Structures are given as C-alpha cells and as structure tokens.
C-alpha cells in the first residue's frame, strides 16, 4: 500500500495519466491496481515505473514509514513547548513531498493548527480546523481527539473570541476527549484553564493537579510550571492558607523559571504575586512585582497591556505615583489598546483614566453605559460581577434605588451564569 501511495503521488506530480506511466511497462489497469494496493507486481515492473518517475522507492518508503513517528514527535515537542525543536521538525516535515496527500495529512494539518496557536496565529488555526472538519468527516480515533483538543485550546486562548461563552465551548469539546485513545493528558491543563476562566475553583484545582502529575511524569518541566502557577494562584486567593508559605512557594517557582530560562513564565508569576499583595492591600509590594513583570514584557503585546493596567491600578490604589505620571501611562495604555484593537483594554484603560482624573460621575456613567454592556455581551462574567457590585454600592450610597434594583438583577444573572 505504501508503494501505491508513492507511485500515485509522483505520477500525479509529474502530470502523467496511469496509461502514460504504464506505456511499454504494464497496462493502465495494472497501474491503477498497484496504486490502490490491490495487486502484486514484479520487481522489474516496480523498477521500471520508479525509473520513469525518477524516484528512489526505498528512500520514499522509508520517508513514508517514518512520517507517523515524526508527527508524534512533533506533537510531543509542541506539548512541551520546545520551540527550537518544534521549528526544526516543522521544516523536516515540510520537505516530505507527500505530507499533504498521505493518510497522515489530517494529523499533520491538526498539528500545524496547534503550531499556529503557539505563534498566536489564530486565523490560520481556525481555517485549518474548519478545513479538517469539512474534508475529513470520519477521522481515526487519535485524530478525532486531537481535533477536539485543538478546538479547546483555540477557544481558550484566542483573544478575539474571549469570554465565558467560549470558555464553556472549550470545556464542551475537551470533556469529549477519550483519554485512553488519545493518551495526551495535557488537555487536563487546558480544562483547568477553561474552568478557571469561568470561576469554577474546585474543577480548576482538580484538573490542575491532574495536569501537574502528568507533566512531572513525562518530565515536562516547563508545563509543570504552568500547572503549579495555576495552583499557586488558587492558593493565593484562599485566606485560610498560610500567606508566608505561599510567598515562599512563589519565589521558589520563580527561581525554577530562571534555571529553566523561562522568562515568560517568570513574568506571569511576578504579576500574579503582585495580585496576591494587592488583594491584601499591600500596594507597595504589589507595585514592585507588577513593575518587575511589566519591565520583562514586549512593549507591543496584550500581556504588556495587562501588566501595565495592573501596575497602574496598584499605584492608584496605594497612591504611589503622581497623577500626572499615572495619567500619561494610562493614555499610553489606551493608545496601545487601540493599536492592538483590543476592546477589553480600551474599556479598562478608559475607566482607569476617569478614576485618575477623579471624574467619578463620568466613571460610573461609563460603567453603566459602556463597560457593563460590553462585559455582558462578551460573557466576561467576573468583570461584569466586579463592576456591577461597584455600581450597586455607588447607587445605594446616593439612594438611587431604581438603579439599585436594575443592577441587582445583573448580579443575580451573573451568579446564575457562574454556577
């Protein structure tokens, strides 16, 4: 069958019909049977056919036999996020002439979609996923589970489809994975992240723990950091866990990031540590870690926006920076959000600017008229809940009870969505 695939590929590539390839060697019917793997053939016929096609059949068979192993190796490298190896294997696979025409094409396409996610190219990811669904309706079990996995990751990390609705979509496809057939338990981590974004703490913890065990068992130390980071975040927001123990754990994990040369993970930990201090109203330490995380980021990225927002918010809460400097930085953030066309941060920086300028009437109006409708329509339930509570308290204070009732309904709806 391998020989037939190879003959058919190179015949098509050469622009020959089956009759033209077989002229003087064998009938077109015999060529057709060879390509389908439906007949035996002599070594002489095979030698003549491959000579006409100008190929080394032994070399081509070896390539095709090794392709599946290469694809599984690429999947492992992508899972471990070893980017140098990921790129090297991608280039190797691209050199295989029949990579896009063999029985492994669907697997290759799905792994290519995962590769694009690593490079934040979500358009290409989406196009590939739709193509595979359309062209391969009866995928083998492994590829079927891989398709579910990639869709789940796409829903979680695509900034253009963010919001609780898409995190729920991620959960729906990820829980359909047959773990025994698939064998790649990395998806536990993706499930943990999806549950984290809909504020389901128990399920987040359960799947993060499962992911951590899997990453440690497979010596996937970089991804183990990801799972431990998520667990630490949950612990840091638990008032019953010893605070100093959490801080020590953060610093130990930051040290591991330095040893493994994982600056992106270190930045996440530093920013999370800033949140831990901010939650306890220790704005001096919060500002310190937010700033350290911010300084590590590329100045033209979504993460830079997030870290800048967190840094400025802690400065505002702790009164640690002059208003003129905060306002300048906040306008820089708003400008970058517009350049990146990020609606969420356009709203957040606008709210921050109103607060810095102490324009509270405009601030609360903007929450009611712009921010809350956006959070509702895009299913940002945690933010919707936070700002609705703030608006509720404001209207209670100024005794606008009709508006209190309206905001109460939003809060009730949010609690129902989260539960």
Protein backbone atom coordinates (compact mmCIF):
# COMPACT_ATOMS: atom_id res chain seq x y z
CA UNK A 1 0.00 0.00 0.00
CA UNK A 2 2.88 2.38 0.75
CA UNK A 3 4.33 1.74 -2.70
CA UNK A 4 0.96 2.51 -4.27
CA UNK A 5 0.67 5.83 -2.39
CA UNK A 6 4.15 6.82 -3.52
CA UNK A 7 3.60 5.83 -7.17
CA UNK A 8 0.31 7.73 -7.30
CA UNK A 9 1.79 10.84 -5.70
CA UNK A 10 4.76 11.10 -8.07
CA UNK A 11 2.67 10.17 -11.13
CA UNK A 12 0.21 12.99 -10.31
CA UNK A 13 3.08 15.37 -9.59
CA UNK A 14 4.61 14.54 -12.99
CA UNK A 15 1.27 15.18 -14.70
CA UNK A 16 1.02 11.65 -16.10
CA UNK A 17 -2.09 9.55 -16.55
CA UNK A 18 -1.99 5.92 -15.43
CA UNK A 19 -1.80 4.91 -19.09
CA UNK A 20 1.11 7.24 -19.80
CA UNK A 21 3.06 5.95 -16.79
CA UNK A 22 2.47 2.33 -17.81
CA UNK A 23 3.26 2.72 -21.53
CA UNK A 24 5.66 -0.05 -22.52
CA UNK A 25 5.66 -1.40 -18.92
CA UNK A 26 2.16 -2.54 -18.00
CA UNK A 27 -1.49 -1.64 -18.60
CA UNK A 28 -3.16 1.42 -17.09
CA UNK A 29 -5.47 -1.01 -15.25
CA UNK A 30 -2.45 -2.65 -13.63
CA UNK A 31 -1.03 0.75 -12.61
CA UNK A 32 -4.39 1.58 -11.04
CA UNK A 33 -4.35 -1.67 -9.04
CA UNK A 34 -0.76 -1.05 -7.89
CA UNK A 35 -1.71 2.45 -6.68
CA UNK A 36 -4.69 1.05 -4.76
CA UNK A 37 -2.64 -1.82 -3.32
CA UNK A 38 -4.99 -4.35 -4.92
CA UNK A 39 -2.43 -6.45 -6.81
CA UNK A 40 1.04 -7.92 -6.63
CA UNK A 41 3.73 -6.84 -9.09
CA UNK A 42 7.19 -7.93 -10.10
CA UNK A 43 10.35 -6.18 -9.01
CA UNK A 44 11.06 -5.48 -12.68
CA UNK A 45 7.78 -3.59 -13.17
CA UNK A 46 8.37 -1.58 -9.99
CA UNK A 47 11.92 -0.73 -11.10
CA UNK A 48 10.71 0.48 -14.50
CA UNK A 49 7.87 2.55 -13.03
CA UNK A 50 10.10 4.23 -10.43
CA UNK A 51 12.83 4.82 -13.03
CA UNK A 52 10.27 6.62 -15.22
CA UNK A 53 9.20 8.69 -12.21
CA UNK A 54 12.87 9.31 -11.28
CA UNK A 55 12.47 8.29 -7.64
CA UNK A 56 14.35 6.05 -5.19
CA UNK A 57 11.50 3.85 -3.96
CA UNK A 58 13.38 2.55 -0.89
CA UNK A 59 14.10 6.10 0.25
CA UNK A 60 10.50 7.15 -0.35
CA UNK A 61 9.12 4.14 1.56
CA UNK A 62 11.41 4.99 4.49
CA UNK A 63 10.15 8.58 4.45
CA UNK A 64 6.53 7.49 4.48
CA UNK A 65 7.10 4.91 7.22
CA UNK A 66 8.85 7.48 9.40
CA UNK A 67 6.24 10.19 8.84
CA UNK A 68 3.89 9.00 11.59
CA UNK A 69 6.77 8.81 14.07
CA UNK A 70 7.86 12.31 13.08
CA UNK A 71 4.33 13.63 13.57
CA UNK A 72 4.06 12.11 17.04
CA UNK A 73 7.47 13.55 17.87
CA UNK A 74 6.28 16.97 16.68
CA UNK A 75 3.17 16.65 18.84
CA UNK A 76 5.35 15.92 21.87
CA UNK A 77 7.63 18.88 21.12
CA UNK A 78 4.60 21.18 20.75
CA UNK A 79 3.15 19.88 24.02
CA UNK A 80 6.46 20.51 25.79
CA UNK A 81 6.78 23.88 24.00
CA UNK A 82 10.38 23.23 22.99
CA UNK A 83 10.26 25.88 20.32
CA UNK A 84 13.66 25.21 18.74
CA UNK A 85 12.78 21.54 18.19
CA UNK A 86 9.25 22.47 17.09
CA UNK A 87 10.65 24.66 14.30
CA UNK A 88 13.24 22.07 13.24
CA UNK A 89 10.67 19.28 12.96
CA UNK A 90 8.25 21.54 11.10
CA UNK A 91 10.92 22.20 8.48
CA UNK A 92 11.69 18.47 8.22
CA UNK A 93 8.01 17.66 7.68
CA UNK A 94 7.60 20.36 5.05
CA UNK A 95 10.32 18.66 3.00
CA UNK A 96 8.33 15.42 2.76
CA UNK A 97 6.74 15.60 -0.73
CA UNK A 98 3.54 13.72 0.19
CA UNK A 99 2.97 15.31 3.60
CA UNK A 100 -0.26 16.87 2.30
CA UNK A 101 -1.54 13.85 0.36
CA UNK A 102 -0.93 10.82 2.58
CA UNK A 103 -3.18 9.09 5.12
CA UNK A 104 -1.43 11.21 7.79
CA UNK A 105 -2.43 14.53 6.23
CA UNK A 106 -5.24 15.24 8.72
CA UNK A 107 -2.89 14.69 11.66
CA UNK A 108 -0.30 16.96 10.06
CA UNK A 109 -2.90 19.68 9.48
CA UNK A 110 -4.15 19.49 13.09
CA UNK A 111 -0.62 19.72 14.47
CA UNK A 112 0.02 22.64 12.15
CA UNK A 113 -3.05 24.30 13.71
CA UNK A 114 -1.50 23.75 17.16
CA UNK A 115 1.76 25.21 15.88
CA UNK A 116 -0.10 28.34 14.75
CA UNK A 117 -1.66 28.70 18.21
CA UNK A 118 1.85 28.72 19.71
CA UNK A 119 2.61 31.59 17.34
CA UNK A 120 -0.67 33.43 18.09
CA UNK A 121 -1.89 32.99 14.52
CA UNK A 122 -5.50 32.16 15.33
CA UNK A 123 -6.86 32.89 11.85
CA UNK A 124 -4.76 30.14 10.30
CA UNK A 125 -5.72 27.85 13.19
CA UNK A 126 -9.43 28.44 12.59
CA UNK A 127 -9.11 27.96 8.82
CA UNK A 128 -7.31 24.63 9.28
CA UNK A 129 -9.79 23.34 11.85
CA UNK A 130 -12.76 24.15 9.60
CA UNK A 131 -10.96 22.57 6.62
CA UNK A 132 -10.26 19.34 8.53
CA UNK A 133 -13.85 19.12 9.75
CA UNK A 134 -15.11 19.61 6.21
CA UNK A 135 -12.67 17.34 4.35
CA UNK A 136 -12.23 14.55 6.91
CA UNK A 137 -15.66 13.72 8.39
CA UNK A 138 -14.53 10.23 9.50
CA UNK A 139 -11.27 10.83 11.32
CA UNK A 140 -9.45 7.95 13.06
CA UNK A 141 -9.84 7.99 16.89
CA UNK A 142 -6.49 9.68 17.63
CA UNK A 143 -7.04 12.47 15.12
CA UNK A 144 -10.66 12.92 16.28
CA UNK A 145 -9.45 13.55 19.83
CA UNK A 146 -6.66 15.78 18.59
CA UNK A 147 -9.25 17.86 16.71
CA UNK A 148 -11.25 18.29 19.94
CA UNK A 149 -8.10 19.24 21.82
CA UNK A 150 -7.04 21.89 19.32
CA UNK A 151 -10.56 23.39 19.23
CA UNK A 152 -10.48 23.58 23.04
CA UNK A 153 -7.15 25.39 23.06
CA UNK A 154 -8.35 27.72 20.31
CA UNK A 155 -11.44 28.73 22.32
CA UNK A 156 -9.38 29.37 25.46
CA UNK A 157 -6.53 31.43 24.05
CA UNK A 158 -7.88 33.28 21.02
CA UNK A 159 -8.12 36.86 22.29
CA UNK A 160 -10.69 37.62 19.57
CA UNK A 161 -13.11 35.03 21.00
CA UNK A 162 -12.54 35.64 24.71
CA UNK A 163 -15.31 35.48 27.26
CA UNK A 164 -17.05 32.88 29.37
CA UNK A 165 -19.17 31.59 26.47
CA UNK A 166 -16.05 30.48 24.61
CA UNK A 167 -14.50 29.01 27.74
CA UNK A 168 -17.65 26.94 28.10
CA UNK A 169 -17.28 25.87 24.46
CA UNK A 170 -13.73 24.80 25.31
CA UNK A 171 -14.99 22.70 28.19
CA UNK A 172 -17.66 21.09 26.00
CA UNK A 173 -15.14 19.84 23.43
CA UNK A 174 -12.38 18.96 25.88
CA UNK A 175 -14.55 16.74 28.08
CA UNK A 176 -15.44 14.71 24.96
CA UNK A 177 -11.82 13.58 24.58
CA UNK A 178 -11.33 9.84 25.09
CA UNK A 179 -8.24 9.96 27.29
CA UNK A 180 -7.36 6.27 26.76
CA UNK A 181 -7.43 6.53 22.96
CA UNK A 182 -5.69 9.91 22.91
CA UNK A 183 -3.06 9.46 25.63
CA UNK A 184 -2.02 13.12 25.71
CA UNK A 185 -3.22 14.26 29.14
CA UNK A 186 -2.01 17.80 28.53
CA UNK A 187 -5.66 18.58 27.92
CA UNK A 188 -6.19 18.36 31.71
CA UNK A 189 -4.33 21.67 31.94
CA UNK A 190 -6.48 23.20 29.22
CA UNK A 191 -9.59 22.07 31.07
CA UNK A 192 -8.21 23.61 34.27
CA UNK A 193 -7.69 26.93 32.48
CA UNK A 194 -11.18 26.88 30.97
CA UNK A 195 -12.74 26.18 34.37
CA UNK A 196 -10.53 28.89 35.89
CA UNK A 197 -11.91 31.48 33.48
CA UNK A 198 -15.49 30.67 34.42
CA UNK A 199 -14.52 30.86 38.10
CA UNK A 200 -15.12 27.17 38.87
CA UNK A 201 -12.44 26.84 41.56
CA UNK A 202 -12.95 23.20 42.56
CA UNK A 203 -12.81 21.86 38.99
CA UNK A 204 -9.86 24.14 38.23
CA UNK A 205 -7.93 22.70 41.16
CA UNK A 206 -8.81 19.09 40.29
CA UNK A 207 -7.65 19.35 36.68
CA UNK A 208 -4.60 21.46 37.51
CA UNK A 209 -3.46 18.77 39.96
CA UNK A 210 -4.01 16.06 37.32
CA UNK A 211 -2.06 18.12 34.77
CA UNK A 212 0.79 18.69 37.21
CA UNK A 213 1.12 14.95 37.85
CA UNK A 214 1.13 14.24 34.12
CA UNK A 215 3.73 16.91 33.34
CA UNK A 216 6.01 15.64 36.11
CA UNK A 217 5.63 12.02 34.99
CA UNK A 218 6.62 13.00 31.44
CA UNK A 219 9.48 15.29 32.58
CA UNK A 220 7.70 18.26 31.02
CA UNK A 221 9.18 20.76 33.45
CA UNK A 222 8.13 23.93 31.60
CA UNK A 223 4.48 22.89 31.51
CA UNK A 224 4.71 21.75 35.13
CA UNK A 225 5.45 25.41 35.92
CA UNK A 226 2.19 26.34 34.18
CA UNK A 227 0.17 23.90 36.29
CA UNK A 228 1.92 24.94 39.52
CA UNK A 229 1.34 28.60 38.66
CA UNK A 230 -2.38 27.99 38.38
CA UNK A 231 -2.47 26.05 41.66
CA UNK A 232 -0.49 28.80 43.40
CA UNK A 233 -2.94 31.39 42.09
CA UNK A 234 -5.82 29.48 43.64
CA UNK A 235 -3.92 29.04 46.92
CA UNK A 236 -3.00 32.72 46.99
CA UNK A 237 -6.66 33.69 46.89
CA UNK A 238 -7.54 31.34 49.75
CA UNK A 239 -7.50 33.31 53.01
CA UNK A 240 -7.13 30.10 55.02
CA UNK A 241 -3.75 29.14 53.54
CA UNK A 242 -0.62 30.47 55.27
CA UNK A 243 0.42 33.64 53.40
CA UNK A 244 4.16 33.33 54.04
CA UNK A 245 4.12 29.76 52.78
CA UNK A 246 2.52 30.97 49.54
CA UNK A 247 5.15 33.71 49.12
CA UNK A 248 7.97 31.19 49.60
CA UNK A 249 6.35 28.90 47.01
CA UNK A 250 6.16 31.80 44.54
CA UNK A 251 9.82 32.67 44.95
CA UNK A 252 10.85 29.02 44.64
CA UNK A 253 8.91 28.69 41.40
CA UNK A 254 10.35 31.97 40.07
CA UNK A 255 13.80 30.53 40.74
CA UNK A 256 12.88 27.41 38.75
CA UNK A 257 11.86 29.68 35.84
CA UNK A 258 15.27 31.32 35.96
CA UNK A 259 17.03 27.95 35.98
CA UNK A 260 14.95 26.71 33.02
CA UNK A 261 15.28 30.06 31.20
CA UNK A 262 11.52 30.64 31.07
CA UNK A 263 11.13 34.45 31.25
CA UNK A 264 7.50 34.42 30.08
CA UNK A 265 6.55 32.11 32.95
CA UNK A 266 8.55 34.23 35.36
CA UNK A 267 6.64 37.33 34.20
CA UNK A 268 3.32 35.60 34.87
CA UNK A 269 4.42 34.59 38.37
CA UNK A 270 5.66 38.09 39.19
CA UNK A 271 2.39 39.62 38.03
CA UNK A 272 0.37 37.04 39.97
CA UNK A 273 2.46 37.79 43.04
CA UNK A 274 1.57 41.45 42.58
CA UNK A 275 -2.11 40.47 42.69
CA UNK A 276 -1.58 38.44 45.86
CA UNK A 277 -0.15 41.51 47.64
CA UNK A 278 -2.75 43.83 46.12
CA UNK A 279 -5.56 41.62 47.42
CA UNK A 280 -4.12 42.13 50.90
CA UNK A 281 -3.83 45.91 50.25
CA UNK A 282 -0.03 45.79 50.41
CA UNK A 283 0.27 48.12 47.43
CA UNK A 284 3.97 48.83 47.88
CA UNK A 285 4.91 45.18 47.29
CA UNK A 286 2.17 44.83 44.67
CA UNK A 287 3.60 47.75 42.69
CA UNK A 288 7.11 46.29 42.97
CA UNK A 289 6.17 42.93 41.43
CA UNK A 290 3.80 44.40 38.83
CA UNK A 291 6.61 46.72 37.68
CA UNK A 292 9.13 43.88 37.53
CA UNK A 293 6.72 41.83 35.39
CA UNK A 294 5.96 44.84 33.18
CA UNK A 295 9.64 45.52 32.53
CA UNK A 296 10.06 41.99 31.16
CA UNK A 297 7.36 42.29 28.51
CA UNK A 298 7.45 43.24 24.86
CA UNK A 299 6.06 46.79 24.69
CA UNK A 300 3.67 45.93 21.85
CA UNK A 301 1.66 43.00 23.21
CA UNK A 302 -1.56 42.12 25.02
CA UNK A 303 0.49 40.99 28.03
CA UNK A 304 2.14 44.40 28.19
CA UNK A 305 -1.33 45.96 28.31
CA UNK A 306 -2.42 43.63 31.10
CA UNK A 307 0.69 44.17 33.19
CA UNK A 308 0.61 47.95 32.65
CA UNK A 309 -3.03 48.07 33.74
CA UNK A 310 -2.31 46.02 36.88
CA UNK A 311 0.70 48.19 37.71
CA UNK A 312 -1.18 51.48 37.32
CA UNK A 313 -4.19 50.23 39.25
CA UNK A 314 -1.97 49.28 42.21
CA UNK A 315 -0.25 52.69 42.01
CA UNK A 316 -3.65 54.38 42.10
CA UNK A 317 -4.97 52.28 44.98
CA UNK A 318 -1.80 52.81 47.03
CA UNK A 319 -1.26 56.44 45.95
CA UNK A 320 2.28 55.50 44.95
CA UNK A 321 2.69 57.60 41.80
CA UNK A 322 1.92 61.18 40.88
CA UNK A 323 -1.35 61.61 38.98
CA UNK A 324 0.37 63.28 36.04
CA UNK A 325 2.67 60.26 35.57
CA UNK A 326 -0.18 57.76 36.03
CA UNK A 327 -2.33 59.67 33.54
CA UNK A 328 0.48 59.71 30.98
CA UNK A 329 1.00 55.95 31.33
CA UNK A 330 -2.75 55.24 31.24
CA UNK A 331 -3.11 57.20 27.98
CA UNK A 332 -0.18 55.20 26.58
CA UNK A 333 -2.07 52.04 27.52
CA UNK A 334 -5.28 53.29 25.89
CA UNK A 335 -3.36 54.19 22.72
CA UNK A 336 -1.77 50.72 22.58
CA UNK A 337 -5.15 49.06 23.17
CA UNK A 338 -6.50 50.97 20.15
CA UNK A 339 -3.50 49.96 18.01
CA UNK A 340 -3.97 46.32 19.02
CA UNK A 341 -7.74 46.73 18.54
CA UNK A 342 -8.39 45.21 21.96
CA UNK A 343 -11.86 46.26 23.12
CA UNK A 344 -11.47 44.94 26.66
CA UNK A 345 -8.41 47.03 27.46
CA UNK A 346 -9.82 50.07 25.69
CA UNK A 347 -12.62 49.96 28.25
CA UNK A 348 -10.38 49.19 31.23
CA UNK A 349 -7.92 52.00 30.49
CA UNK A 350 -10.77 54.43 29.89
CA UNK A 351 -12.17 53.56 33.32
CA UNK A 352 -8.73 53.93 34.86
CA UNK A 353 -8.27 57.37 33.30
CA UNK A 354 -11.60 58.56 34.75
CA UNK A 355 -10.52 57.35 38.18
CA UNK A 356 -7.11 59.02 37.99
CA UNK A 357 -8.75 62.26 36.89
CA UNK A 358 -11.27 61.85 39.73
CA UNK A 359 -14.15 62.25 37.27
CA UNK A 360 -16.41 59.93 39.24
CA UNK A 361 -19.69 60.91 37.57
CA UNK A 362 -18.23 60.06 34.17
CA UNK A 363 -16.63 56.95 35.65
CA UNK A 364 -19.92 55.49 36.92
CA UNK A 365 -21.78 56.54 33.77
CA UNK A 366 -19.17 54.81 31.64
CA UNK A 367 -19.51 51.62 33.70
CA UNK A 368 -23.29 51.62 33.26
CA UNK A 369 -23.47 52.67 29.61
CA UNK A 370 -20.35 51.10 28.12
CA UNK A 371 -18.44 48.71 30.37
CA UNK A 372 -21.27 46.55 31.74
CA UNK A 373 -23.00 46.08 28.35
CA UNK A 374 -19.63 45.01 26.89
CA UNK A 375 -18.89 42.60 29.74
CA UNK A 376 -22.41 41.16 29.41
CA UNK A 377 -22.36 40.70 25.64
CA UNK A 378 -18.87 39.16 25.69
CA UNK A 379 -19.57 36.97 28.74
CA UNK A 380 -16.80 38.45 30.91
CA UNK A 381 -18.65 37.27 34.00
CA UNK A 382 -16.01 38.01 36.63
CA UNK A 383 -15.54 41.60 35.44
CA UNK A 384 -19.27 42.04 34.99
CA UNK A 385 -19.77 40.91 38.58
CA UNK A 386 -16.99 43.15 39.96
CA UNK A 387 -18.11 46.35 38.24
CA UNK A 388 -21.80 45.65 38.86
CA UNK A 389 -21.05 45.39 42.58
CA UNK A 390 -19.17 48.68 42.45
CA UNK A 391 -22.08 50.34 40.66
CA UNK A 392 -24.56 48.79 43.10
CA UNK A 393 -22.68 50.24 46.10
CA UNK A 394 -22.50 53.64 44.41
CA UNK A 395 -26.24 53.78 43.74
CA UNK A 396 -27.01 52.60 47.26
CA UNK A 397 -24.84 55.40 48.63
CA UNK A 398 -26.63 58.09 46.61
CA UNK A 399 -30.03 56.41 47.20
CA UNK A 400 -30.88 55.75 43.56
CA UNK A 401 -32.93 52.67 44.39
CA UNK A 402 -34.44 52.15 40.95
CA UNK A 403 -30.92 51.73 39.57
CA UNK A 404 -30.01 49.55 42.56
CA UNK A 405 -32.82 47.17 41.57
CA UNK A 406 -31.62 47.06 37.96
CA UNK A 407 -28.01 46.32 38.98
CA UNK A 408 -29.24 43.68 41.44
CA UNK A 409 -30.77 41.79 38.52
CA UNK A 410 -27.40 41.85 36.70
CA UNK A 411 -25.68 40.46 39.81
CA UNK A 412 -28.27 37.68 40.16
CA UNK A 413 -27.88 36.78 36.48
CA UNK A 414 -24.08 36.68 36.91
CA UNK A 415 -24.31 34.33 39.89
CA UNK A 416 -26.58 32.03 37.88
CA UNK A 417 -24.16 32.06 34.92
CA UNK A 418 -21.16 31.22 37.11
CA UNK A 419 -22.97 28.44 38.96
